[in-house]
Amino acid sequence: MQTKRTIFSNRVLPYFLLAPQLAVTLVFFIWPAFQAFRQSFLREDPFGMKTTFVWFANYTKLFGSSDYMNALWVTLIFSVSVTVLSMGVSLLFAVCVNRVLKSGRIYTTLLVWPYAVAPAAAGLLWWFMFNPSIGILPYILRHFGYDWNHRLDGNDAMILIVIASAWKQISYNFLFFVAGLQSVPQSVIEAASIDGAGPFKRFWTVVFPLISPTTFFLAVINVTYALFDTFPIVDSTTSGGPSQSTNTLVYKVYADGFVGLNLGPSAAQSVVLMLIVVVLTVVQFRWIEKKVQY
């Protein structure tokens, strides 16, 4: 197989082409990350009048805090729930659409629409539907003997933000699963059918292993989404309550840093959150990817 390489007559031109992206990465990613890392070793008053270098005191205080341990546990439950729910539902929808031949594009268009909704708007949408006073869903649940109130019940609040966050991500996962399913050779499925495999067995032993690269990619994306991009949903629905039952790590960084003006510990939390994502990514690519069949 012959590899094609692009050769520039001017050696400076490639650097000019890369300069805009490098500038964006430096200004909006590397520099803020460096500032957060530096600030995590400092103790500052909210007005920036006095700064004290405290070494690892912010980290020591952080891991000795029961509130932060609670946020870690809440984030773990929330991330796993959002990833499993969003990927499971989107895979089910993708399988159903893949079986429809004539109207598949219509269903695809309808299922993609939620992805265009802003996260804060999605949170408000589900907040209205689950509102104990005016929401239609609590009204229906009361007829089945369940008194829904996410403002008082921590389990109800967790269910609310999981559903809202997963609903927002289903469209993204759905597009990739549909593309993966359509790339599976039909001859392989027909051969399994001739061998006597039923629909479920064909999917689990033939189709699903062939779309494992897509599944692995979406697992990484969904975990990252649950850790970072769900802040507007949590803020617009529960604000971390009740009793910090939905206070995720990313929301705690905001609450401590921007609301409480506790800058040093907030920066330390952001550094720890970044390290958690790095470790999860390394684990996923180091061990889980070995089970992916390319």
C-alpha atoms as a PDB file:
ATOM      1  CA  MET A   1       0.000   0.000   0.000  1.00  0.00           C
ATOM      2  CA  GLN A   2       1.464   3.305  -1.119  1.00  0.00           C
ATOM      3  CA  THR A   3       1.363   6.186   1.359  1.00  0.00           C
ATOM      4  CA  LYS A   4       0.761   9.653  -0.019  1.00  0.00           C
ATOM      5  CA  ARG A   5       2.567  12.533   1.655  1.00  0.00           C
ATOM      6  CA  THR A   6       1.996  16.233   1.218  1.00  0.00           C
ATOM      7  CA  ILE A   7       5.193  18.143   0.499  1.00  0.00           C
ATOM      8  CA  PHE A   8       5.242  21.920   0.996  1.00  0.00           C
ATOM      9  CA  SER A   9       7.687  23.933  -1.063  1.00  0.00           C
ATOM     10  CA  ASN A  10       7.836  26.524   1.708  1.00  0.00           C
ATOM     11  CA  ARG A  11       8.932  25.127   5.078  1.00  0.00           C
ATOM     12  CA  VAL A  12       7.265  27.959   6.997  1.00  0.00           C
ATOM     13  CA  LEU A  13       3.816  27.431   5.445  1.00  0.00           C
ATOM     14  CA  PRO A  14       2.840  24.353   7.557  1.00  0.00           C
ATOM     15  CA  TYR A  15       3.511  26.302  10.746  1.00  0.00           C
ATOM     16  CA  PHE A  16       1.335  29.167   9.534  1.00  0.00           C
ATOM     17  CA  LEU A  17      -1.476  26.707   8.782  1.00  0.00           C
ATOM     18  CA  LEU A  18      -1.209  25.213  12.279  1.00  0.00           C
ATOM     19  CA  ALA A  19      -0.852  28.575  14.034  1.00  0.00           C
ATOM     20  CA  PRO A  20      -4.612  29.400  14.433  1.00  0.00           C
ATOM     21  CA  GLN A  21      -5.438  26.050  16.036  1.00  0.00           C
ATOM     22  CA  LEU A  22      -2.341  26.158  18.215  1.00  0.00           C
ATOM     23  CA  ALA A  23      -3.244  29.687  19.338  1.00  0.00           C
ATOM     24  CA  VAL A  24      -6.777  28.619  20.282  1.00  0.00           C
ATOM     25  CA  THR A  25      -5.452  25.594  22.173  1.00  0.00           C
ATOM     26  CA  LEU A  26      -2.882  27.689  24.012  1.00  0.00           C
ATOM     27  CA  VAL A  27      -5.220  30.551  24.963  1.00  0.00           C
ATOM     28  CA  PHE A  28      -8.362  28.587  25.844  1.00  0.00           C
ATOM     29  CA  PHE A  29      -6.960  25.262  27.099  1.00  0.00           C
ATOM     30  CA  ILE A  30      -3.297  25.158  28.075  1.00  0.00           C
ATOM     31  CA  TRP A  31      -3.079  28.598  29.690  1.00  0.00           C
ATOM     32  CA  PRO A  32      -6.269  28.222  31.822  1.00  0.00           C
ATOM     33  CA  ALA A  33      -5.151  24.727  32.872  1.00  0.00           C
ATOM     34  CA  PHE A  34      -1.770  26.113  33.930  1.00  0.00           C
ATOM     35  CA  GLN A  35      -3.430  28.947  35.868  1.00  0.00           C
ATOM     36  CA  ALA A  36      -5.735  26.490  37.660  1.00  0.00           C
ATOM     37  CA  PHE A  37      -2.768  24.278  38.558  1.00  0.00           C
ATOM     38  CA  ARG A  38      -0.831  27.264  39.919  1.00  0.00           C
ATOM     39  CA  GLN A  39      -3.806  28.614  41.835  1.00  0.00           C
ATOM     40  CA  SER A  40      -4.428  25.243  43.494  1.00  0.00           C
ATOM     41  CA  PHE A  41      -1.282  25.821  45.603  1.00  0.00           C
ATOM     42  CA  LEU A  42      -2.380  29.262  46.751  1.00  0.00           C
ATOM     43  CA  ARG A  43      -4.705  30.726  49.348  1.00  0.00           C
ATOM     44  CA  GLU A  44      -6.299  33.928  48.058  1.00  0.00           C
ATOM     45  CA  ASP A  45      -8.875  36.326  49.383  1.00  0.00           C
ATOM     46  CA  PRO A  46     -11.822  36.969  47.004  1.00  0.00           C
ATOM     47  CA  PHE A  47     -10.550  40.432  46.024  1.00  0.00           C
ATOM     48  CA  GLY A  48      -7.000  39.334  45.189  1.00  0.00           C
ATOM     49  CA  MET A  49      -5.448  41.600  47.837  1.00  0.00           C
ATOM     50  CA  LYS A  50      -3.429  38.852  49.523  1.00  0.00           C
ATOM     51  CA  THR A  51      -1.979  35.605  48.193  1.00  0.00           C
ATOM     52  CA  THR A  52      -0.216  32.923  50.252  1.00  0.00           C
ATOM     53  CA  PHE A  53       1.619  29.891  48.948  1.00  0.00           C
ATOM     54  CA  VAL A  54       0.279  26.917  50.949  1.00  0.00           C
ATOM     55  CA  TRP A  55       1.778  23.945  49.081  1.00  0.00           C
ATOM     56  CA  PHE A  56      -0.622  20.950  49.237  1.00  0.00           C
ATOM     57  CA  ALA A  57      -2.884  22.330  51.973  1.00  0.00           C
ATOM     58  CA  ASN A  58      -5.796  22.778  49.540  1.00  0.00           C
ATOM     59  CA  TYR A  59      -5.539  19.163  48.399  1.00  0.00           C
ATOM     60  CA  THR A  60      -5.223  17.853  51.955  1.00  0.00           C
ATOM     61  CA  LYS A  61      -8.286  19.803  53.017  1.00  0.00           C
ATOM     62  CA  LEU A  62     -10.110  18.656  49.908  1.00  0.00           C
ATOM     63  CA  PHE A  63      -9.744  14.916  50.478  1.00  0.00           C
ATOM     64  CA  GLY A  64     -10.537  15.353  54.150  1.00  0.00           C
ATOM     65  CA  SER A  65     -13.870  16.965  53.327  1.00  0.00           C
ATOM     66  CA  SER A  66     -17.000  14.834  53.576  1.00  0.00           C
ATOM     67  CA  ASP A  67     -18.744  17.143  51.090  1.00  0.00           C
ATOM     68  CA  TYR A  68     -16.117  16.439  48.454  1.00  0.00           C
ATOM     69  CA  MET A  69     -16.289  12.688  49.058  1.00  0.00           C
ATOM     70  CA  ASN A  70     -20.048  12.939  48.638  1.00  0.00           C
ATOM     71  CA  ALA A  71     -19.552  14.813  45.347  1.00  0.00           C
ATOM     72  CA  LEU A  72     -17.213  12.043  44.148  1.00  0.00           C
ATOM     73  CA  TRP A  73     -19.812   9.382  44.912  1.00  0.00           C
ATOM     74  CA  VAL A  74     -22.622  11.404  43.329  1.00  0.00           C
ATOM     75  CA  THR A  75     -20.520  11.958  40.181  1.00  0.00           C
ATOM     76  CA  LEU A  76     -19.746   8.236  39.913  1.00  0.00           C
ATOM     77  CA  ILE A  77     -23.421   7.267  40.100  1.00  0.00           C
ATOM     78  CA  PHE A  78     -24.446  10.070  37.782  1.00  0.00           C
ATOM     79  CA  SER A  79     -21.788   9.377  35.116  1.00  0.00           C
ATOM     80  CA  VAL A  80     -22.444   5.630  34.974  1.00  0.00           C
ATOM     81  CA  SER A  81     -26.219   6.147  34.872  1.00  0.00           C
ATOM     82  CA  VAL A  82     -26.088   8.759  32.098  1.00  0.00           C
ATOM     83  CA  THR A  83     -23.659   6.703  29.998  1.00  0.00           C
ATOM     84  CA  VAL A  84     -25.613   3.455  30.296  1.00  0.00           C
ATOM     85  CA  LEU A  85     -29.027   5.058  29.776  1.00  0.00           C
ATOM     86  CA  SER A  86     -28.095   7.286  26.837  1.00  0.00           C
ATOM     87  CA  MET A  87     -26.120   4.597  25.005  1.00  0.00           C
ATOM     88  CA  GLY A  88     -28.684   1.881  25.675  1.00  0.00           C
ATOM     89  CA  VAL A  89     -31.661   3.915  24.449  1.00  0.00           C
ATOM     90  CA  SER A  90     -29.805   5.304  21.446  1.00  0.00           C
ATOM     91  CA  LEU A  91     -28.654   1.812  20.419  1.00  0.00           C
ATOM     92  CA  LEU A  92     -32.241   0.568  20.674  1.00  0.00           C
ATOM     93  CA  PHE A  93     -33.462   3.451  18.511  1.00  0.00           C
ATOM     94  CA  ALA A  94     -30.655   2.882  16.001  1.00  0.00           C
ATOM     95  CA  VAL A  95     -31.542  -0.812  15.669  1.00  0.00           C
ATOM     96  CA  CYS A  96     -35.213   0.061  15.128  1.00  0.00           C
ATOM     97  CA  VAL A  97     -34.422   2.718  12.518  1.00  0.00           C
ATOM     98  CA  ASN A  98     -31.949   0.431  10.760  1.00  0.00           C
ATOM     99  CA  ARG A  99     -34.747  -2.089  10.200  1.00  0.00           C
ATOM    100  CA  VAL A 100     -36.978   0.556   8.597  1.00  0.00           C
ATOM    101  CA  LEU A 101     -36.155   1.062   4.929  1.00  0.00           C
ATOM    102  CA  LYS A 102     -38.499   3.703   3.502  1.00  0.00           C
ATOM    103  CA  SER A 103     -39.047   6.104   6.398  1.00  0.00           C
ATOM    104  CA  GLY A 104     -35.711   5.677   8.163  1.00  0.00           C
ATOM    105  CA  ARG A 105     -34.529   9.180   7.253  1.00  0.00           C
ATOM    106  CA  ILE A 106     -37.661  10.731   8.753  1.00  0.00           C
ATOM    107  CA  TYR A 107     -37.116   8.978  12.074  1.00  0.00           C
ATOM    108  CA  THR A 108     -33.430   9.914  11.996  1.00  0.00           C
ATOM    109  CA  THR A 109     -34.275  13.595  11.495  1.00  0.00           C
ATOM    110  CA  LEU A 110     -36.793  13.574  14.347  1.00  0.00           C
ATOM    111  CA  LEU A 111     -34.379  11.868  16.739  1.00  0.00           C
ATOM    112  CA  VAL A 112     -31.553  14.293  15.934  1.00  0.00           C
ATOM    113  CA  TRP A 113     -33.535  17.407  16.899  1.00  0.00           C
ATOM    114  CA  PRO A 114     -32.905  17.196  20.687  1.00  0.00           C
ATOM    115  CA  TYR A 115     -29.169  17.594  20.090  1.00  0.00           C
ATOM    116  CA  ALA A 116     -29.797  21.140  18.820  1.00  0.00           C
ATOM    117  CA  VAL A 117     -31.364  22.133  22.151  1.00  0.00           C
ATOM    118  CA  ALA A 118     -29.066  24.048  24.496  1.00  0.00           C
ATOM    119  CA  PRO A 119     -28.201  22.121  27.704  1.00  0.00           C
ATOM    120  CA  ALA A 120     -29.740  24.795  29.951  1.00  0.00           C
ATOM    121  CA  ALA A 121     -32.934  24.763  27.855  1.00  0.00           C
ATOM    122  CA  ALA A 122     -33.036  20.965  28.052  1.00  0.00           C
ATOM    123  CA  GLY A 123     -32.732  21.153  31.828  1.00  0.00           C
ATOM    124  CA  LEU A 124     -35.552  23.693  32.067  1.00  0.00           C
ATOM    125  CA  LEU A 125     -37.728  21.567  29.777  1.00  0.00           C
ATOM    126  CA  TRP A 126     -37.454  18.541  32.043  1.00  0.00           C
ATOM    127  CA  TRP A 127     -37.725  20.734  35.140  1.00  0.00           C
ATOM    128  CA  PHE A 128     -41.130  21.939  33.962  1.00  0.00           C
ATOM    129  CA  MET A 129     -42.292  18.417  33.095  1.00  0.00           C
ATOM    130  CA  PHE A 130     -41.199  17.086  36.515  1.00  0.00           C
ATOM    131  CA  ASN A 131     -42.266  20.140  38.523  1.00  0.00           C
ATOM    132  CA  PRO A 132     -44.306  18.858  41.515  1.00  0.00           C
ATOM    133  CA  SER A 133     -46.772  21.762  41.236  1.00  0.00           C
ATOM    134  CA  ILE A 134     -47.372  22.213  37.505  1.00  0.00           C
ATOM    135  CA  GLY A 135     -45.628  19.274  35.818  1.00  0.00           C
ATOM    136  CA  ILE A 136     -47.560  16.657  33.869  1.00  0.00           C
ATOM    137  CA  LEU A 137     -45.326  13.732  34.885  1.00  0.00           C
ATOM    138  CA  PRO A 138     -45.772  14.113  38.694  1.00  0.00           C
ATOM    139  CA  TYR A 139     -49.535  14.400  38.023  1.00  0.00           C
ATOM    140  CA  ILE A 140     -49.455  11.060  36.192  1.00  0.00           C
ATOM    141  CA  LEU A 141     -47.236   9.450  38.836  1.00  0.00           C
ATOM    142  CA  ARG A 142     -49.650  10.456  41.609  1.00  0.00           C
ATOM    143  CA  HIS A 143     -52.324   8.363  39.915  1.00  0.00           C
ATOM    144  CA  PHE A 144     -50.015   5.363  40.350  1.00  0.00           C
ATOM    145  CA  GLY A 145     -49.456   6.142  44.032  1.00  0.00           C
ATOM    146  CA  TYR A 146     -46.023   7.790  43.749  1.00  0.00           C
ATOM    147  CA  ASP A 147     -45.564  11.290  45.146  1.00  0.00           C
ATOM    148  CA  TRP A 148     -42.784  12.827  43.051  1.00  0.00           C
ATOM    149  CA  ASN A 149     -40.892  15.784  44.518  1.00  0.00           C
ATOM    150  CA  HIS A 150     -37.309  16.307  43.381  1.00  0.00           C
ATOM    151  CA  ARG A 151     -37.028  19.403  45.571  1.00  0.00           C
ATOM    152  CA  LEU A 152     -37.230  17.269  48.724  1.00  0.00           C
ATOM    153  CA  ASP A 153     -36.236  13.758  47.645  1.00  0.00           C
ATOM    154  CA  GLY A 154     -32.588  13.244  46.623  1.00  0.00           C
ATOM    155  CA  ASN A 155     -33.372  10.084  44.628  1.00  0.00           C
ATOM    156  CA  ASP A 156     -36.012  11.917  42.599  1.00  0.00           C
ATOM    157  CA  ALA A 157     -33.540  14.739  41.942  1.00  0.00           C
ATOM    158  CA  MET A 158     -30.891  12.282  40.737  1.00  0.00           C
ATOM    159  CA  ILE A 159     -33.379  10.588  38.441  1.00  0.00           C
ATOM    160  CA  LEU A 160     -34.338  13.987  37.013  1.00  0.00           C
ATOM    161  CA  ILE A 161     -30.813  15.078  36.091  1.00  0.00           C
ATOM    162  CA  VAL A 162     -29.938  11.608  34.738  1.00  0.00           C
ATOM    163  CA  ILE A 163     -32.979  11.593  32.433  1.00  0.00           C
ATOM    164  CA  ALA A 164     -32.403  15.183  31.289  1.00  0.00           C
ATOM    165  CA  SER A 165     -28.692  14.603  30.628  1.00  0.00           C
ATOM    166  CA  ALA A 166     -29.216  11.275  28.857  1.00  0.00           C
ATOM    167  CA  TRP A 167     -32.015  12.735  26.692  1.00  0.00           C
ATOM    168  CA  LYS A 168     -29.677  15.482  25.538  1.00  0.00           C
ATOM    169  CA  GLN A 169     -26.988  12.954  24.514  1.00  0.00           C
ATOM    170  CA  ILE A 170     -29.176  10.298  22.876  1.00  0.00           C
ATOM    171  CA  SER A 171     -29.205  12.076  19.502  1.00  0.00           C
ATOM    172  CA  TYR A 172     -25.400  12.205  19.326  1.00  0.00           C
ATOM    173  CA  ASN A 173     -25.058   8.516  20.168  1.00  0.00           C
ATOM    174  CA  PHE A 174     -27.884   7.607  17.808  1.00  0.00           C
ATOM    175  CA  LEU A 175     -26.123   9.069  14.755  1.00  0.00           C
ATOM    176  CA  PHE A 176     -22.953   7.079  15.391  1.00  0.00           C
ATOM    177  CA  PHE A 177     -24.811   3.843  16.102  1.00  0.00           C
ATOM    178  CA  VAL A 178     -26.857   4.188  12.908  1.00  0.00           C
ATOM    179  CA  ALA A 179     -23.662   4.745  10.909  1.00  0.00           C
ATOM    180  CA  GLY A 180     -22.056   1.738  12.592  1.00  0.00           C
ATOM    181  CA  LEU A 181     -25.036  -0.531  11.962  1.00  0.00           C
ATOM    182  CA  GLN A 182     -25.243   0.480   8.312  1.00  0.00           C
ATOM    183  CA  SER A 183     -21.562  -0.402   7.849  1.00  0.00           C
ATOM    184  CA  VAL A 184     -22.110  -4.011   8.969  1.00  0.00           C
ATOM    185  CA  PRO A 185     -22.009  -6.288   5.880  1.00  0.00           C
ATOM    186  CA  GLN A 186     -25.446  -7.715   5.179  1.00  0.00           C
ATOM    187  CA  SER A 187     -23.881 -10.943   3.935  1.00  0.00           C
ATOM    188  CA  VAL A 188     -22.522 -11.691   7.413  1.00  0.00           C
ATOM    189  CA  ILE A 189     -25.968 -11.257   8.969  1.00  0.00           C
ATOM    190  CA  GLU A 190     -27.565 -13.435   6.290  1.00  0.00           C
ATOM    191  CA  ALA A 191     -24.949 -16.142   6.871  1.00  0.00           C
ATOM    192  CA  ALA A 192     -25.743 -16.150  10.602  1.00  0.00           C
ATOM    193  CA  SER A 193     -29.454 -16.347   9.784  1.00  0.00           C
ATOM    194  CA  ILE A 194     -28.876 -19.341   7.508  1.00  0.00           C
ATOM    195  CA  ASP A 195     -26.958 -21.032  10.330  1.00  0.00           C
ATOM    196  CA  GLY A 196     -30.099 -20.779  12.457  1.00  0.00           C
ATOM    197  CA  ALA A 197     -29.261 -17.803  14.672  1.00  0.00           C
ATOM    198  CA  GLY A 198     -32.286 -15.838  15.845  1.00  0.00           C
ATOM    199  CA  PRO A 199     -32.578 -12.028  15.741  1.00  0.00           C
ATOM    200  CA  PHE A 200     -31.239 -11.517  19.276  1.00  0.00           C
ATOM    201  CA  LYS A 201     -28.384 -13.974  18.840  1.00  0.00           C
ATOM    202  CA  ARG A 202     -27.459 -12.450  15.474  1.00  0.00           C
ATOM    203  CA  PHE A 203     -27.269  -9.024  17.045  1.00  0.00           C
ATOM    204  CA  TRP A 204     -25.333 -10.059  20.153  1.00  0.00           C
ATOM    205  CA  THR A 205     -22.818 -12.417  18.483  1.00  0.00           C
ATOM    206  CA  VAL A 206     -22.424 -10.804  15.045  1.00  0.00           C
ATOM    207  CA  VAL A 207     -23.616  -7.205  14.855  1.00  0.00           C
ATOM    208  CA  PHE A 208     -22.611  -5.891  18.276  1.00  0.00           C
ATOM    209  CA  PRO A 209     -18.963  -7.105  18.072  1.00  0.00           C
ATOM    210  CA  LEU A 210     -18.665  -5.457  14.644  1.00  0.00           C
ATOM    211  CA  ILE A 211     -19.802  -2.088  16.029  1.00  0.00           C
ATOM    212  CA  SER A 212     -17.593  -2.359  19.135  1.00  0.00           C
ATOM    213  CA  PRO A 213     -15.239   0.425  17.887  1.00  0.00           C
ATOM    214  CA  THR A 214     -18.232   2.768  17.714  1.00  0.00           C
ATOM    215  CA  THR A 215     -19.403   1.635  21.152  1.00  0.00           C
ATOM    216  CA  PHE A 216     -15.960   2.165  22.658  1.00  0.00           C
ATOM    217  CA  PHE A 217     -15.677   5.647  21.143  1.00  0.00           C
ATOM    218  CA  LEU A 218     -19.119   6.630  22.449  1.00  0.00           C
ATOM    219  CA  ALA A 219     -18.315   5.271  25.916  1.00  0.00           C
ATOM    220  CA  VAL A 220     -15.325   7.625  26.149  1.00  0.00           C
ATOM    221  CA  ILE A 221     -17.346  10.565  24.821  1.00  0.00           C
ATOM    222  CA  ASN A 222     -20.316   9.931  27.136  1.00  0.00           C
ATOM    223  CA  VAL A 223     -18.191   9.663  30.277  1.00  0.00           C
ATOM    224  CA  THR A 224     -16.478  12.945  29.389  1.00  0.00           C
ATOM    225  CA  TYR A 225     -19.869  14.506  28.651  1.00  0.00           C
ATOM    226  CA  ALA A 226     -21.287  13.407  32.001  1.00  0.00           C
ATOM    227  CA  LEU A 227     -18.284  14.808  33.864  1.00  0.00           C
ATOM    228  CA  PHE A 228     -18.134  18.229  32.190  1.00  0.00           C
ATOM    229  CA  ASP A 229     -20.977  19.179  29.836  1.00  0.00           C
ATOM    230  CA  THR A 230     -23.845  18.453  32.225  1.00  0.00           C
ATOM    231  CA  PHE A 231     -23.203  21.501  34.403  1.00  0.00           C
ATOM    232  CA  PRO A 232     -25.967  23.636  32.752  1.00  0.00           C
ATOM    233  CA  ILE A 233     -28.495  20.836  33.252  1.00  0.00           C
ATOM    234  CA  VAL A 234     -27.669  20.419  36.939  1.00  0.00           C
ATOM    235  CA  ASP A 235     -27.677  24.185  37.463  1.00  0.00           C
ATOM    236  CA  SER A 236     -31.051  24.722  35.787  1.00  0.00           C
ATOM    237  CA  THR A 237     -32.844  21.780  37.427  1.00  0.00           C
ATOM    238  CA  THR A 238     -31.617  21.067  40.963  1.00  0.00           C
ATOM    239  CA  SER A 239     -28.645  23.417  41.625  1.00  0.00           C
ATOM    240  CA  GLY A 240     -26.917  20.528  43.371  1.00  0.00           C
ATOM    241  CA  GLY A 241     -29.740  19.924  45.843  1.00  0.00           C
ATOM    242  CA  PRO A 242     -31.506  18.771  47.823  1.00  0.00           C
ATOM    243  CA  SER A 243     -28.886  18.318  50.548  1.00  0.00           C
ATOM    244  CA  GLN A 244     -26.102  18.038  47.914  1.00  0.00           C
ATOM    245  CA  SER A 245     -27.622  14.841  46.523  1.00  0.00           C
ATOM    246  CA  THR A 246     -26.956  16.059  42.956  1.00  0.00           C
ATOM    247  CA  ASN A 247     -23.822  18.096  43.664  1.00  0.00           C
ATOM    248  CA  THR A 248     -21.467  16.706  41.010  1.00  0.00           C
ATOM    249  CA  LEU A 249     -17.755  17.514  40.864  1.00  0.00           C
ATOM    250  CA  VAL A 250     -18.040  20.062  38.083  1.00  0.00           C
ATOM    251  CA  TYR A 251     -20.926  21.818  39.827  1.00  0.00           C
ATOM    252  CA  LYS A 252     -19.018  21.856  43.129  1.00  0.00           C
ATOM    253  CA  VAL A 253     -16.094  23.590  41.374  1.00  0.00           C
ATOM    254  CA  TYR A 254     -18.504  26.315  40.273  1.00  0.00           C
ATOM    255  CA  ALA A 255     -20.284  26.562  43.638  1.00  0.00           C
ATOM    256  CA  ASP A 256     -17.059  26.829  45.643  1.00  0.00           C
ATOM    257  CA  GLY A 257     -15.143  29.021  43.211  1.00  0.00           C
ATOM    258  CA  PHE A 258     -17.683  31.396  41.688  1.00  0.00           C
ATOM    259  CA  VAL A 259     -20.413  31.427  44.337  1.00  0.00           C
ATOM    260  CA  GLY A 260     -18.400  30.859  47.511  1.00  0.00           C
ATOM    261  CA  LEU A 261     -15.271  32.658  46.188  1.00  0.00           C
ATOM    262  CA  ASN A 262     -13.105  29.924  47.709  1.00  0.00           C
ATOM    263  CA  LEU A 263     -10.561  30.137  44.901  1.00  0.00           C
ATOM    264  CA  GLY A 264      -7.708  27.874  46.025  1.00  0.00           C
ATOM    265  CA  PRO A 265      -9.750  24.758  46.898  1.00  0.00           C
ATOM    266  CA  SER A 266     -11.898  25.311  43.811  1.00  0.00           C
ATOM    267  CA  ALA A 267      -8.788  25.293  41.608  1.00  0.00           C
ATOM    268  CA  ALA A 268      -7.589  22.141  43.372  1.00  0.00           C
ATOM    269  CA  GLN A 269     -10.937  20.502  42.604  1.00  0.00           C
ATOM    270  CA  SER A 270     -10.616  21.373  38.918  1.00  0.00           C
ATOM    271  CA  VAL A 271      -7.111  19.861  38.811  1.00  0.00           C
ATOM    272  CA  VAL A 272      -8.350  16.654  40.471  1.00  0.00           C
ATOM    273  CA  LEU A 273     -11.268  16.486  38.035  1.00  0.00           C
ATOM    274  CA  MET A 274      -8.886  16.850  35.108  1.00  0.00           C
ATOM    275  CA  LEU A 275      -6.678  14.066  36.502  1.00  0.00           C
ATOM    276  CA  ILE A 276      -9.718  11.807  36.936  1.00  0.00           C
ATOM    277  CA  VAL A 277     -10.635  12.262  33.271  1.00  0.00           C
ATOM    278  CA  VAL A 278      -7.028  11.576  32.201  1.00  0.00           C
ATOM    279  CA  VAL A 279      -6.892   8.393  34.299  1.00  0.00           C
ATOM    280  CA  LEU A 280     -10.255   7.170  32.983  1.00  0.00           C
ATOM    281  CA  THR A 281      -9.170   7.806  29.404  1.00  0.00           C
ATOM    282  CA  VAL A 282      -5.885   5.941  29.912  1.00  0.00           C
ATOM    283  CA  VAL A 283      -7.703   3.001  31.509  1.00  0.00           C
ATOM    284  CA  GLN A 284     -10.234   2.881  28.691  1.00  0.00           C
ATOM    285  CA  PHE A 285      -7.610   2.953  25.951  1.00  0.00           C
ATOM    286  CA  ARG A 286      -5.150   0.719  27.807  1.00  0.00           C
ATOM    287  CA  TRP A 287      -7.393  -2.153  28.916  1.00  0.00           C
ATOM    288  CA  ILE A 288     -10.932  -1.775  27.596  1.00  0.00           C
ATOM    289  CA  GLU A 289      -9.797  -1.099  24.016  1.00  0.00           C
ATOM    290  CA  LYS A 290      -8.123  -4.535  23.935  1.00  0.00           C
ATOM    291  CA  LYS A 291     -11.601  -6.082  23.841  1.00  0.00           C
ATOM    292  CA  VAL A 292     -12.609  -3.948  20.873  1.00  0.00           C
ATOM    293  CA  GLN A 293     -12.594  -5.759  17.533  1.00  0.00           C
ATOM    294  CA  TYR A 294     -11.449  -3.557  14.659  1.00  0.00           C
END
